[in-house]
Structures are given as C-alpha cells and as structure tokens.
Amino acid sequence: MIRYLPFKERLWQDEVGFYDTYGIRALDESGSCVALISDVSTDEPTVVALCDKCTRGQLAPLHLYDVVEDFLGV
C-alpha cells in the first residue's frame, strides 16, 4: 500500500521572501519514500485532501507528478 502524506517546508523567493508551503511524499509499505514533490501549495487543507485522494485511489507513484500538474492546472 502506498501512503501519500503532506509535508511542510519553508522556502525563499526573491519576490516574496520566506514562505511556508506544502509538498507531497509517497511512502511504500516499508516507509521508504518512493516519490516526492515539493512546493505543491501554500494551502495545507488542499494538499491534505489531495494526499487523501491519492492514498484512497492507490495512485501509482509514477503518476504523482501528472496528478499534481493537473491539480494545479499547469
């Protein structure tokens, strides 16, 4: 089973300075990180909801980047 979990990080951009943002980490059954995407959104509840959907749907980690890209409308 793959679990998708949000993680918080503090980043810097010249235009805004420091800001808190949330990424997504995919963990396999042993707890090893098999995929990671940084700086998905500054809105924690949104990232938590996306992680929950990915976990419930058992998204294959290789599709995580595409799902986040679609989610962001990139």
PDB file of N, CA and C in Angstrom:
ATOM      1  N   MET A   1       0.842  -1.186   0.000  1.00  0.00           N
ATOM      2  CA  MET A   1       0.000   0.000   0.000  1.00  0.00           C
ATOM      3  C   MET A   1       0.884   1.246   0.000  1.00  0.00           C
ATOM      4  N   ILE A   2       0.543   2.179  -0.826  1.00  0.00           N
ATOM      5  CA  ILE A   2       1.245   3.465  -0.894  1.00  0.00           C
ATOM      6  C   ILE A   2       0.451   4.485  -0.087  1.00  0.00           C
ATOM      7  N   ARG A   3       1.148   5.229   0.762  1.00  0.00           N
ATOM      8  CA  ARG A   3       0.531   6.320   1.523  1.00  0.00           C
ATOM      9  C   ARG A   3       1.097   7.637   1.022  1.00  0.00           C
ATOM     10  N   TYR A   4       0.225   8.583   0.783  1.00  0.00           N
ATOM     11  CA  TYR A   4       0.628   9.921   0.358  1.00  0.00           C
ATOM     12  C   TYR A   4       0.435  10.852   1.539  1.00  0.00           C
ATOM     13  N   LEU A   5       1.505  11.536   1.920  1.00  0.00           N
ATOM     14  CA  LEU A   5       1.487  12.390   3.100  1.00  0.00           C
ATOM     15  C   LEU A   5       1.993  13.785   2.756  1.00  0.00           C
ATOM     16  N   PRO A   6       1.335  14.805   3.298  1.00  0.00           N
ATOM     17  CA  PRO A   6       1.830  16.166   3.098  1.00  0.00           C
ATOM     18  C   PRO A   6       3.034  16.431   3.994  1.00  0.00           C
ATOM     19  N   PHE A   7       3.881  17.331   3.561  1.00  0.00           N
ATOM     20  CA  PHE A   7       4.966  17.787   4.425  1.00  0.00           C
ATOM     21  C   PHE A   7       5.121  19.297   4.253  1.00  0.00           C
ATOM     22  N   LYS A   8       5.487  19.944   5.337  1.00  0.00           N
ATOM     23  CA  LYS A   8       5.632  21.395   5.352  1.00  0.00           C
ATOM     24  C   LYS A   8       7.093  21.754   5.154  1.00  0.00           C
ATOM     25  N   GLU A   9       7.310  22.814   4.411  1.00  0.00           N
ATOM     26  CA  GLU A   9       8.675  23.316   4.234  1.00  0.00           C
ATOM     27  C   GLU A   9       8.632  24.841   4.155  1.00  0.00           C
ATOM     28  N   ARG A  10       9.749  25.442   4.474  1.00  0.00           N
ATOM     29  CA  ARG A  10       9.885  26.891   4.400  1.00  0.00           C
ATOM     30  C   ARG A  10      10.865  27.190   3.275  1.00  0.00           C
ATOM     31  N   LEU A  11      10.385  27.948   2.288  1.00  0.00           N
ATOM     32  CA  LEU A  11      11.197  28.257   1.113  1.00  0.00           C
ATOM     33  C   LEU A  11      11.365  29.755   0.972  1.00  0.00           C
ATOM     34  N   TRP A  12      12.229  30.135   0.054  1.00  0.00           N
ATOM     35  CA  TRP A  12      12.535  31.538  -0.216  1.00  0.00           C
ATOM     36  C   TRP A  12      12.362  31.833  -1.697  1.00  0.00           C
ATOM     37  N   GLN A  13      11.707  32.961  -1.985  1.00  0.00           N
ATOM     38  CA  GLN A  13      11.651  33.510  -3.345  1.00  0.00           C
ATOM     39  C   GLN A  13      11.963  34.985  -3.237  1.00  0.00           C
ATOM     40  N   ASP A  14      12.742  35.479  -4.171  1.00  0.00           N
ATOM     41  CA  ASP A  14      13.124  36.891  -4.130  1.00  0.00           C
ATOM     42  C   ASP A  14      11.917  37.827  -4.068  1.00  0.00           C
ATOM     43  N   GLU A  15      10.850  37.473  -4.785  1.00  0.00           N
ATOM     44  CA  GLU A  15       9.683  38.358  -4.875  1.00  0.00           C
ATOM     45  C   GLU A  15       8.872  38.430  -3.581  1.00  0.00           C
ATOM     46  N   VAL A  16       8.878  37.338  -2.784  1.00  0.00           N
ATOM     47  CA  VAL A  16       8.031  37.293  -1.588  1.00  0.00           C
ATOM     48  C   VAL A  16       8.796  37.042  -0.294  1.00  0.00           C
ATOM     49  N   GLY A  17      10.036  36.660  -0.391  1.00  0.00           N
ATOM     50  CA  GLY A  17      10.809  36.310   0.801  1.00  0.00           C
ATOM     51  C   GLY A  17      10.515  34.885   1.222  1.00  0.00           C
ATOM     52  N   PHE A  18      10.590  34.626   2.538  1.00  0.00           N
ATOM     53  CA  PHE A  18      10.298  33.294   3.049  1.00  0.00           C
ATOM     54  C   PHE A  18       8.797  33.044   3.021  1.00  0.00           C
ATOM     55  N   TYR A  19       8.417  31.806   2.724  1.00  0.00           N
ATOM     56  CA  TYR A  19       7.011  31.417   2.778  1.00  0.00           C
ATOM     57  C   TYR A  19       6.922  29.939   3.143  1.00  0.00           C
ATOM     58  N   ASP A  20       5.809  29.587   3.792  1.00  0.00           N
ATOM     59  CA  ASP A  20       5.547  28.191   4.144  1.00  0.00           C
ATOM     60  C   ASP A  20       4.706  27.563   3.045  1.00  0.00           C
ATOM     61  N   THR A  21       5.078  26.366   2.665  1.00  0.00           N
ATOM     62  CA  THR A  21       4.386  25.658   1.605  1.00  0.00           C
ATOM     63  C   THR A  21       4.331  24.176   1.947  1.00  0.00           C
ATOM     64  N   TYR A  22       3.545  23.425   1.192  1.00  0.00           N
ATOM     65  CA  TYR A  22       3.350  22.001   1.467  1.00  0.00           C
ATOM     66  C   TYR A  22       3.632  21.187   0.220  1.00  0.00           C
ATOM     67  N   GLY A  23       4.326  20.082   0.421  1.00  0.00           N
ATOM     68  CA  GLY A  23       4.613  19.146  -0.642  1.00  0.00           C
ATOM     69  C   GLY A  23       3.949  17.823  -0.344  1.00  0.00           C
ATOM     70  N   ILE A  24       4.181  16.857  -1.235  1.00  0.00           N
ATOM     71  CA  ILE A  24       3.598  15.515  -1.085  1.00  0.00           C
ATOM     72  C   ILE A  24       4.708  14.486  -1.145  1.00  0.00           C
ATOM     73  N   ARG A  25       4.657  13.562  -0.203  1.00  0.00           N
ATOM     74  CA  ARG A  25       5.615  12.457  -0.130  1.00  0.00           C
ATOM     75  C   ARG A  25       4.839  11.148  -0.236  1.00  0.00           C
ATOM     76  N   ALA A  26       5.292  10.246  -1.096  1.00  0.00           N
ATOM     77  CA  ALA A  26       4.684   8.921  -1.228  1.00  0.00           C
ATOM     78  C   ALA A  26       5.573   7.901  -0.525  1.00  0.00           C
ATOM     79  N   LEU A  27       4.978   7.147   0.395  1.00  0.00           N
ATOM     80  CA  LEU A  27       5.714   6.136   1.153  1.00  0.00           C
ATOM     81  C   LEU A  27       5.182   4.749   0.822  1.00  0.00           C
ATOM     82  N   ASP A  28       6.094   3.800   0.633  1.00  0.00           N
ATOM     83  CA  ASP A  28       5.680   2.420   0.386  1.00  0.00           C
ATOM     84  C   ASP A  28       5.421   1.709   1.712  1.00  0.00           C
ATOM     85  N   GLU A  29       5.147   0.401   1.637  1.00  0.00           N
ATOM     86  CA  GLU A  29       4.794  -0.378   2.826  1.00  0.00           C
ATOM     87  C   GLU A  29       5.871  -0.355   3.904  1.00  0.00           C
ATOM     88  N   SER A  30       7.120  -0.233   3.492  1.00  0.00           N
ATOM     89  CA  SER A  30       8.219  -0.238   4.462  1.00  0.00           C
ATOM     90  C   SER A  30       8.500   1.157   5.031  1.00  0.00           C
ATOM     91  N   GLY A  31       7.787   2.167   4.529  1.00  0.00           N
ATOM     92  CA  GLY A  31       8.000   3.541   4.990  1.00  0.00           C
ATOM     93  C   GLY A  31       9.046   4.283   4.189  1.00  0.00           C
ATOM     94  N   SER A  32       9.553   3.661   3.129  1.00  0.00           N
ATOM     95  CA  SER A  32      10.539   4.321   2.262  1.00  0.00           C
ATOM     96  C   SER A  32       9.846   5.301   1.327  1.00  0.00           C
ATOM     97  N   CYS A  33      10.471   6.433   1.126  1.00  0.00           N
ATOM     98  CA  CYS A  33       9.935   7.439   0.209  1.00  0.00           C
ATOM     99  C   CYS A  33      10.182   6.979  -1.229  1.00  0.00           C
ATOM    100  N   VAL A  34       9.094   6.853  -1.997  1.00  0.00           N
ATOM    101  CA  VAL A  34       9.214   6.401  -3.388  1.00  0.00           C
ATOM    102  C   VAL A  34       8.916   7.516  -4.382  1.00  0.00           C
ATOM    103  N   ALA A  35       8.390   8.648  -3.889  1.00  0.00           N
ATOM    104  CA  ALA A  35       8.150   9.819  -4.737  1.00  0.00           C
ATOM    105  C   ALA A  35       7.995  11.026  -3.823  1.00  0.00           C
ATOM    106  N   LEU A  36       8.390  12.189  -4.341  1.00  0.00           N
ATOM    107  CA  LEU A  36       8.303  13.414  -3.554  1.00  0.00           C
ATOM    108  C   LEU A  36       8.154  14.592  -4.504  1.00  0.00           C
ATOM    109  N   ILE A  37       7.208  15.459  -4.180  1.00  0.00           N
ATOM    110  CA  ILE A  37       7.053  16.704  -4.926  1.00  0.00           C
ATOM    111  C   ILE A  37       7.004  17.834  -3.918  1.00  0.00           C
ATOM    112  N   SER A  38       7.869  18.790  -4.098  1.00  0.00           N
ATOM    113  CA  SER A  38       7.996  19.935  -3.212  1.00  0.00           C
ATOM    114  C   SER A  38       7.091  21.074  -3.689  1.00  0.00           C
ATOM    115  N   ASP A  39       6.676  21.944  -2.755  1.00  0.00           N
ATOM    116  CA  ASP A  39       6.020  23.215  -3.074  1.00  0.00           C
ATOM    117  C   ASP A  39       4.783  23.052  -3.956  1.00  0.00           C
ATOM    118  N   VAL A  40       3.862  22.202  -3.528  1.00  0.00           N
ATOM    119  CA  VAL A  40       2.620  21.993  -4.277  1.00  0.00           C
ATOM    120  C   VAL A  40       1.668  23.162  -4.066  1.00  0.00           C
ATOM    121  N   SER A  41       1.493  23.582  -2.808  1.00  0.00           N
ATOM    122  CA  SER A  41       0.560  24.668  -2.500  1.00  0.00           C
ATOM    123  C   SER A  41       0.873  25.232  -1.121  1.00  0.00           C
ATOM    124  N   THR A  42       0.498  26.476  -0.913  1.00  0.00           N
ATOM    125  CA  THR A  42       0.625  27.085   0.413  1.00  0.00           C
ATOM    126  C   THR A  42      -0.613  26.802   1.261  1.00  0.00           C
ATOM    127  N   ASP A  43      -1.616  26.173   0.674  1.00  0.00           N
ATOM    128  CA  ASP A  43      -2.865  25.869   1.373  1.00  0.00           C
ATOM    129  C   ASP A  43      -2.842  24.431   1.889  1.00  0.00           C
ATOM    130  N   GLU A  44      -2.579  24.272   3.179  1.00  0.00           N
ATOM    131  CA  GLU A  44      -2.433  22.936   3.766  1.00  0.00           C
ATOM    132  C   GLU A  44      -3.659  22.048   3.563  1.00  0.00           C
ATOM    133  N   PRO A  45      -4.894  22.534   3.843  1.00  0.00           N
ATOM    134  CA  PRO A  45      -6.052  21.640   3.669  1.00  0.00           C
ATOM    135  C   PRO A  45      -6.207  21.109   2.241  1.00  0.00           C
ATOM    136  N   THR A  46      -5.825  21.888   1.268  1.00  0.00           N
ATOM    137  CA  THR A  46      -5.900  21.455  -0.125  1.00  0.00           C
ATOM    138  C   THR A  46      -4.928  20.309  -0.387  1.00  0.00           C
ATOM    139  N   VAL A  47      -3.717  20.431   0.120  1.00  0.00           N
ATOM    140  CA  VAL A  47      -2.713  19.381  -0.077  1.00  0.00           C
ATOM    141  C   VAL A  47      -3.095  18.126   0.700  1.00  0.00           C
ATOM    142  N   VAL A  48      -3.625  18.286   1.896  1.00  0.00           N
ATOM    143  CA  VAL A  48      -4.085  17.136   2.688  1.00  0.00           C
ATOM    144  C   VAL A  48      -5.186  16.388   1.923  1.00  0.00           C
ATOM    145  N   ALA A  49      -6.133  17.119   1.355  1.00  0.00           N
ATOM    146  CA  ALA A  49      -7.226  16.491   0.601  1.00  0.00           C
ATOM    147  C   ALA A  49      -6.690  15.747  -0.621  1.00  0.00           C
ATOM    148  N   LEU A  50      -5.728  16.335  -1.318  1.00  0.00           N
ATOM    149  CA  LEU A  50      -5.145  15.673  -2.486  1.00  0.00           C
ATOM    150  C   LEU A  50      -4.406  14.402  -2.060  1.00  0.00           C
ATOM    151  N   CYS A  51      -3.677  14.469  -0.967  1.00  0.00           N
ATOM    152  CA  CYS A  51      -2.990  13.270  -0.446  1.00  0.00           C
ATOM    153  C   CYS A  51      -3.993  12.169  -0.113  1.00  0.00           C
ATOM    154  N   ASP A  52      -5.089  12.537   0.523  1.00  0.00           N
ATOM    155  CA  ASP A  52      -6.114  11.554   0.879  1.00  0.00           C
ATOM    156  C   ASP A  52      -6.685  10.885  -0.368  1.00  0.00           C
ATOM    157  N   LYS A  53      -6.958  11.668  -1.407  1.00  0.00           N
ATOM    158  CA  LYS A  53      -7.489  11.111  -2.651  1.00  0.00           C
ATOM    159  C   LYS A  53      -6.491  10.149  -3.292  1.00  0.00           C
ATOM    160  N   CYS A  54      -5.232  10.540  -3.307  1.00  0.00           N
ATOM    161  CA  CYS A  54      -4.197   9.689  -3.900  1.00  0.00           C
ATOM    162  C   CYS A  54      -4.047   8.385  -3.130  1.00  0.00           C
ATOM    163  N   THR A  55      -4.111   8.458  -1.797  1.00  0.00           N
ATOM    164  CA  THR A  55      -3.995   7.251  -0.976  1.00  0.00           C
ATOM    165  C   THR A  55      -5.208   6.346  -1.176  1.00  0.00           C
ATOM    166  N   ARG A  56      -6.407   6.920  -1.111  1.00  0.00           N
ATOM    167  CA  ARG A  56      -7.624   6.114  -1.285  1.00  0.00           C
ATOM    168  C   ARG A  56      -7.655   5.444  -2.656  1.00  0.00           C
ATOM    169  N   GLY A  57      -7.220   6.167  -3.688  1.00  0.00           N
ATOM    170  CA  GLY A  57      -7.217   5.621  -5.039  1.00  0.00           C
ATOM    171  C   GLY A  57      -6.009   4.759  -5.354  1.00  0.00           C
ATOM    172  N   GLN A  58      -5.079   4.671  -4.409  1.00  0.00           N
ATOM    173  CA  GLN A  58      -3.833   3.922  -4.595  1.00  0.00           C
ATOM    174  C   GLN A  58      -3.145   4.296  -5.902  1.00  0.00           C
ATOM    175  N   LEU A  59      -2.974   5.592  -6.060  1.00  0.00           N
ATOM    176  CA  LEU A  59      -2.270   6.136  -7.214  1.00  0.00           C
ATOM    177  C   LEU A  59      -0.863   5.551  -7.296  1.00  0.00           C
ATOM    178  N   ALA A  60      -0.473   5.135  -8.467  1.00  0.00           N
ATOM    179  CA  ALA A  60       0.901   4.659  -8.670  1.00  0.00           C
ATOM    180  C   ALA A  60       1.837   5.860  -8.559  1.00  0.00           C
ATOM    181  N   PRO A  61       2.906   5.761  -7.766  1.00  0.00           N
ATOM    182  CA  PRO A  61       3.800   6.897  -7.560  1.00  0.00           C
ATOM    183  C   PRO A  61       4.323   7.534  -8.857  1.00  0.00           C
ATOM    184  N   LEU A  62       4.472   6.758  -9.900  1.00  0.00           N
ATOM    185  CA  LEU A  62       4.988   7.324 -11.143  1.00  0.00           C
ATOM    186  C   LEU A  62       4.004   8.309 -11.770  1.00  0.00           C
ATOM    187  N   HIS A  63       2.748   8.308 -11.319  1.00  0.00           N
ATOM    188  CA  HIS A  63       1.741   9.239 -11.850  1.00  0.00           C
ATOM    189  C   HIS A  63       1.557  10.474 -10.961  1.00  0.00           C
ATOM    190  N   LEU A  64       2.257  10.542  -9.850  1.00  0.00           N
ATOM    191  CA  LEU A  64       2.061  11.648  -8.911  1.00  0.00           C
ATOM    192  C   LEU A  64       2.318  13.002  -9.562  1.00  0.00           C
ATOM    193  N   TYR A  65       3.397  13.122 -10.305  1.00  0.00           N
ATOM    194  CA  TYR A  65       3.722  14.410 -10.931  1.00  0.00           C
ATOM    195  C   TYR A  65       2.589  14.855 -11.860  1.00  0.00           C
ATOM    196  N   ASP A  66       2.054  13.930 -12.663  1.00  0.00           N
ATOM    197  CA  ASP A  66       0.957  14.271 -13.582  1.00  0.00           C
ATOM    198  C   ASP A  66      -0.293  14.698 -12.834  1.00  0.00           C
ATOM    199  N   VAL A  67      -0.605  14.016 -11.741  1.00  0.00           N
ATOM    200  CA  VAL A  67      -1.783  14.363 -10.948  1.00  0.00           C
ATOM    201  C   VAL A  67      -1.626  15.756 -10.341  1.00  0.00           C
ATOM    202  N   VAL A  68      -0.444  16.057  -9.816  1.00  0.00           N
ATOM    203  CA  VAL A  68      -0.207  17.385  -9.231  1.00  0.00           C
ATOM    204  C   VAL A  68      -0.254  18.451 -10.326  1.00  0.00           C
ATOM    205  N   GLU A  69       0.308  18.158 -11.475  1.00  0.00           N
ATOM    206  CA  GLU A  69       0.267  19.100 -12.598  1.00  0.00           C
ATOM    207  C   GLU A  69      -1.194  19.396 -13.000  1.00  0.00           C
ATOM    208  N   ASP A  70      -2.009  18.352 -13.111  1.00  0.00           N
ATOM    209  CA  ASP A  70      -3.430  18.534 -13.442  1.00  0.00           C
ATOM    210  C   ASP A  70      -4.134  19.316 -12.342  1.00  0.00           C
ATOM    211  N   PHE A  71      -3.828  18.997 -11.092  1.00  0.00           N
ATOM    212  CA  PHE A  71      -4.429  19.669  -9.945  1.00  0.00           C
ATOM    213  C   PHE A  71      -4.132  21.168  -9.970  1.00  0.00           C
ATOM    214  N   LEU A  72      -2.913  21.509 -10.331  1.00  0.00           N
ATOM    215  CA  LEU A  72      -2.512  22.919 -10.367  1.00  0.00           C
ATOM    216  C   LEU A  72      -2.955  23.623 -11.646  1.00  0.00           C
ATOM    217  N   GLY A  73      -3.410  22.842 -12.633  1.00  0.00           N
ATOM    218  CA  GLY A  73      -3.841  23.436 -13.891  1.00  0.00           C
ATOM    219  C   GLY A  73      -2.696  23.932 -14.734  1.00  0.00           C
ATOM    220  N   VAL A  74      -1.553  23.270 -14.611  1.00  0.00           N
ATOM    221  CA  VAL A  74      -0.346  23.671 -15.355  1.00  0.00           C
ATOM    222  C   VAL A  74      -0.420  23.179 -16.762  1.00  0.00           C
TER     223      VAL A  74
END
